[in-house]
PDB file of N, CA and C in Angstrom:
ATOM      1  N   MET A   1       0.608  -1.180  -0.289  1.00  0.00           N
ATOM      2  CA  MET A   1      -0.132  -0.143   0.342  1.00  0.00           C
ATOM      3  C   MET A   1       0.791   1.369   0.241  1.00  0.00           C
ATOM      4  N   HIS A   2       0.605   2.048  -0.618  1.00  0.00           N
ATOM      5  CA  HIS A   2       0.882   3.719  -0.858  1.00  0.00           C
ATOM      6  C   HIS A   2       0.426   4.781  -1.278  1.00  0.00           C
ATOM      7  N   GLY A   3       0.744   5.809  -1.077  1.00  0.00           N
ATOM      8  CA  GLY A   3       0.171   6.827  -0.977  1.00  0.00           C
ATOM      9  C   GLY A   3       0.537   8.314  -1.081  1.00  0.00           C
ATOM     10  N   THR A   4      -0.004   9.245  -0.845  1.00  0.00           N
ATOM     11  CA  THR A   4       0.115  10.628   0.024  1.00  0.00           C
ATOM     12  C   THR A   4      -0.775  10.865   1.655  1.00  0.00           C
ATOM     13  N   TYR A   5      -0.383  11.191   2.523  1.00  0.00           N
ATOM     14  CA  TYR A   5      -1.267  11.323   3.872  1.00  0.00           C
ATOM     15  C   TYR A   5      -1.249  13.065   3.711  1.00  0.00           C
ATOM     16  N   ARG A   6      -2.584  13.747   4.746  1.00  0.00           N
ATOM     17  CA  ARG A   6      -2.231  14.978   4.681  1.00  0.00           C
ATOM     18  C   ARG A   6      -2.516  15.285   6.541  1.00  0.00           C
ATOM     19  N   VAL A   7      -2.072  16.153   6.588  1.00  0.00           N
ATOM     20  CA  VAL A   7      -2.475  16.134   8.595  1.00  0.00           C
ATOM     21  C   VAL A   7      -3.317  17.404   8.641  1.00  0.00           C
ATOM     22  N   ILE A   8      -4.646  17.595   9.031  1.00  0.00           N
ATOM     23  CA  ILE A   8      -5.013  18.930   8.701  1.00  0.00           C
ATOM     24  C   ILE A   8      -5.166  19.716  10.593  1.00  0.00           C
ATOM     25  N   ASP A   9      -5.356  20.868  11.046  1.00  0.00           N
ATOM     26  CA  ASP A   9      -5.576  20.857  11.930  1.00  0.00           C
ATOM     27  C   ASP A   9      -6.864  20.815  12.514  1.00  0.00           C
ATOM     28  N   ARG A  10      -6.966  21.136  14.175  1.00  0.00           N
ATOM     29  CA  ARG A  10      -8.778  20.958  14.635  1.00  0.00           C
ATOM     30  C   ARG A  10      -8.980  21.571  13.802  1.00  0.00           C
ATOM     31  N   ASP A  11      -8.936  22.825  13.369  1.00  0.00           N
ATOM     32  CA  ASP A  11     -10.244  23.395  12.447  1.00  0.00           C
ATOM     33  C   ASP A  11     -10.569  23.254  11.631  1.00  0.00           C
ATOM     34  N   GLY A  12      -9.706  22.210  10.977  1.00  0.00           N
ATOM     35  CA  GLY A  12     -10.139  21.583   9.293  1.00  0.00           C
ATOM     36  C   GLY A  12      -9.812  22.937   8.936  1.00  0.00           C
ATOM     37  N   ARG A  13      -9.024  23.652   8.672  1.00  0.00           N
ATOM     38  CA  ARG A  13      -8.706  24.928   7.700  1.00  0.00           C
ATOM     39  C   ARG A  13      -7.496  24.573   7.092  1.00  0.00           C
ATOM     40  N   HIS A  14      -5.944  24.179   8.322  1.00  0.00           N
ATOM     41  CA  HIS A  14      -4.743  24.222   7.181  1.00  0.00           C
ATOM     42  C   HIS A  14      -4.196  22.754   7.718  1.00  0.00           C
ATOM     43  N   ALA A  15      -3.351  22.783   6.322  1.00  0.00           N
ATOM     44  CA  ALA A  15      -2.405  21.341   6.531  1.00  0.00           C
ATOM     45  C   ALA A  15      -1.575  21.596   7.529  1.00  0.00           C
ATOM     46  N   ILE A  16      -1.176  20.180   8.456  1.00  0.00           N
ATOM     47  CA  ILE A  16       0.301  20.906   9.418  1.00  0.00           C
ATOM     48  C   ILE A  16       1.423  20.001   8.481  1.00  0.00           C
ATOM     49  N   GLN A  17       1.014  19.024   8.383  1.00  0.00           N
ATOM     50  CA  GLN A  17       2.052  18.229   7.291  1.00  0.00           C
ATOM     51  C   GLN A  17       1.447  17.551   6.689  1.00  0.00           C
ATOM     52  N   ILE A  18       2.343  16.863   4.912  1.00  0.00           N
ATOM     53  CA  ILE A  18       1.581  16.752   4.279  1.00  0.00           C
ATOM     54  C   ILE A  18       2.950  16.000   3.443  1.00  0.00           C
ATOM     55  N   GLY A  19       2.657  14.489   3.123  1.00  0.00           N
ATOM     56  CA  GLY A  19       4.202  13.782   2.860  1.00  0.00           C
ATOM     57  C   GLY A  19       3.770  12.459   1.688  1.00  0.00           C
ATOM     58  N   GLU A  20       4.297  11.538   2.027  1.00  0.00           N
ATOM     59  CA  GLU A  20       4.073  10.204   1.532  1.00  0.00           C
ATOM     60  C   GLU A  20       4.202   8.804   2.034  1.00  0.00           C
ATOM     61  N   PHE A  21       3.597   7.653   1.981  1.00  0.00           N
ATOM     62  CA  PHE A  21       3.993   6.587   2.849  1.00  0.00           C
ATOM     63  C   PHE A  21       3.728   5.270   1.910  1.00  0.00           C
ATOM     64  N   ALA A  22       4.820   4.333   2.606  1.00  0.00           N
ATOM     65  CA  ALA A  22       4.219   2.981   1.935  1.00  0.00           C
ATOM     66  C   ALA A  22       4.522   1.688   3.464  1.00  0.00           C
ATOM     67  N   GLN A  23       3.636   0.988   3.092  1.00  0.00           N
ATOM     68  CA  GLN A  23       3.111   0.064   3.948  1.00  0.00           C
ATOM     69  C   GLN A  23       3.155  -1.491   3.576  1.00  0.00           C
ATOM     70  N   ILE A  24       4.228  -2.115   3.718  1.00  0.00           N
ATOM     71  CA  ILE A  24       4.407  -4.071   3.314  1.00  0.00           C
ATOM     72  C   ILE A  24       3.883  -4.323   4.599  1.00  0.00           C
ATOM     73  N   TRP A  25       2.380  -5.230   4.220  1.00  0.00           N
ATOM     74  CA  TRP A  25       1.717  -6.232   4.970  1.00  0.00           C
ATOM     75  C   TRP A  25       2.181  -7.905   4.451  1.00  0.00           C
ATOM     76  N   ARG A  26       2.427  -8.592   5.591  1.00  0.00           N
ATOM     77  CA  ARG A  26       2.378  -9.913   5.677  1.00  0.00           C
ATOM     78  C   ARG A  26       1.241 -10.658   5.928  1.00  0.00           C
ATOM     79  N   LEU A  27       0.967 -11.701   5.942  1.00  0.00           N
ATOM     80  CA  LEU A  27      -0.006 -12.922   5.935  1.00  0.00           C
ATOM     81  C   LEU A  27       1.071 -13.793   7.204  1.00  0.00           C
ATOM     82  N   ASP A  28       0.432 -13.842   8.516  1.00  0.00           N
ATOM     83  CA  ASP A  28       1.024 -14.640   9.528  1.00  0.00           C
ATOM     84  C   ASP A  28       0.626 -15.358   9.793  1.00  0.00           C
ATOM     85  N   ALA A  29       0.028 -16.374   9.881  1.00  0.00           N
ATOM     86  CA  ALA A  29      -0.704 -17.191  10.662  1.00  0.00           C
ATOM     87  C   ALA A  29      -2.411 -16.897  10.466  1.00  0.00           C
ATOM     88  N   GLY A  30      -2.637 -16.344   9.465  1.00  0.00           N
ATOM     89  CA  GLY A  30      -3.870 -15.933   8.882  1.00  0.00           C
ATOM     90  C   GLY A  30      -4.483 -14.916   9.175  1.00  0.00           C
ATOM     91  N   ASP A  31      -3.438 -14.132   9.617  1.00  0.00           N
ATOM     92  CA  ASP A  31      -3.500 -12.367  10.545  1.00  0.00           C
ATOM     93  C   ASP A  31      -2.798 -11.991   9.309  1.00  0.00           C
ATOM     94  N   TRP A  32      -3.482 -10.478   9.397  1.00  0.00           N
ATOM     95  CA  TRP A  32      -2.630  -9.948   8.020  1.00  0.00           C
ATOM     96  C   TRP A  32      -1.730  -8.597   9.535  1.00  0.00           C
ATOM     97  N   ARG A  33      -0.429  -8.786   8.530  1.00  0.00           N
ATOM     98  CA  ARG A  33       0.482  -7.861   9.934  1.00  0.00           C
ATOM     99  C   ARG A  33       1.060  -6.658   8.959  1.00  0.00           C
ATOM    100  N   ILE A  34       1.060  -5.690   9.673  1.00  0.00           N
ATOM    101  CA  ILE A  34       2.239  -4.827   9.066  1.00  0.00           C
ATOM    102  C   ILE A  34       3.995  -5.026   9.155  1.00  0.00           C
ATOM    103  N   ASP A  35       4.655  -5.152   8.337  1.00  0.00           N
ATOM    104  CA  ASP A  35       5.465  -5.633   8.404  1.00  0.00           C
ATOM    105  C   ASP A  35       6.792  -4.431   7.629  1.00  0.00           C
ATOM    106  N   ARG A  36       6.546  -3.295   7.166  1.00  0.00           N
ATOM    107  CA  ARG A  36       7.168  -2.120   7.382  1.00  0.00           C
ATOM    108  C   ARG A  36       6.448  -0.739   7.229  1.00  0.00           C
ATOM    109  N   ASP A  37       6.469   0.319   7.698  1.00  0.00           N
ATOM    110  CA  ASP A  37       5.306   1.161   7.493  1.00  0.00           C
ATOM    111  C   ASP A  37       6.382   2.793   7.472  1.00  0.00           C
ATOM    112  N   ILE A  38       6.925   2.782   6.543  1.00  0.00           N
ATOM    113  CA  ILE A  38       7.749   4.363   5.860  1.00  0.00           C
ATOM    114  C   ILE A  38       6.620   5.267   5.463  1.00  0.00           C
ATOM    115  N   ARG A  39       7.544   6.397   6.170  1.00  0.00           N
ATOM    116  CA  ARG A  39       6.743   7.680   5.771  1.00  0.00           C
ATOM    117  C   ARG A  39       7.827   8.541   6.105  1.00  0.00           C
ATOM    118  N   SER A  40       7.352  10.001   4.640  1.00  0.00           N
ATOM    119  CA  SER A  40       8.206  10.654   4.882  1.00  0.00           C
ATOM    120  C   SER A  40       7.417  12.251   4.311  1.00  0.00           C
ATOM    121  N   ASP A  41       7.802  13.026   4.804  1.00  0.00           N
ATOM    122  CA  ASP A  41       6.918  14.629   4.894  1.00  0.00           C
ATOM    123  C   ASP A  41       7.787  15.109   4.331  1.00  0.00           C
ATOM    124  N   ASP A  42       7.062  16.316   3.730  1.00  0.00           N
ATOM    125  CA  ASP A  42       7.838  17.337   2.509  1.00  0.00           C
ATOM    126  C   ASP A  42       8.841  18.047   2.823  1.00  0.00           C
ATOM    127  N   SER A  43       9.021  18.438   4.145  1.00  0.00           N
ATOM    128  CA  SER A  43      10.300  19.308   4.782  1.00  0.00           C
ATOM    129  C   SER A  43      11.543  18.333   4.742  1.00  0.00           C
ATOM    130  N   GLU A  44      11.007  17.223   4.739  1.00  0.00           N
ATOM    131  CA  GLU A  44      12.478  16.303   4.191  1.00  0.00           C
ATOM    132  C   GLU A  44      12.842  16.337   2.792  1.00  0.00           C
ATOM    133  N   LYS A  45      12.126  16.236   2.041  1.00  0.00           N
ATOM    134  CA  LYS A  45      12.445  16.488   0.629  1.00  0.00           C
ATOM    135  C   LYS A  45      13.384  18.003   0.479  1.00  0.00           C
ATOM    136  N   HIS A  46      13.188  18.976   0.885  1.00  0.00           N
ATOM    137  CA  HIS A  46      13.725  20.719   0.758  1.00  0.00           C
ATOM    138  C   HIS A  46      15.167  20.262   1.309  1.00  0.00           C
ATOM    139  N   GLU A  47      15.577  19.611   2.492  1.00  0.00           N
ATOM    140  CA  GLU A  47      16.525  20.029   2.719  1.00  0.00           C
ATOM    141  C   GLU A  47      18.195  19.945   2.077  1.00  0.00           C
TER     142      GLU A  47
END
């Protein structure tokens, strides 16, 4: 699973953080579990 995310302030007016994510899931004894969860926000791209 992968995509973009946006965290909005409590008023719902301004984005506090915008970024991208990727998750890798694996099937373990009949249950799906997150194996990897990777995120980066836009501020990291501009450093």
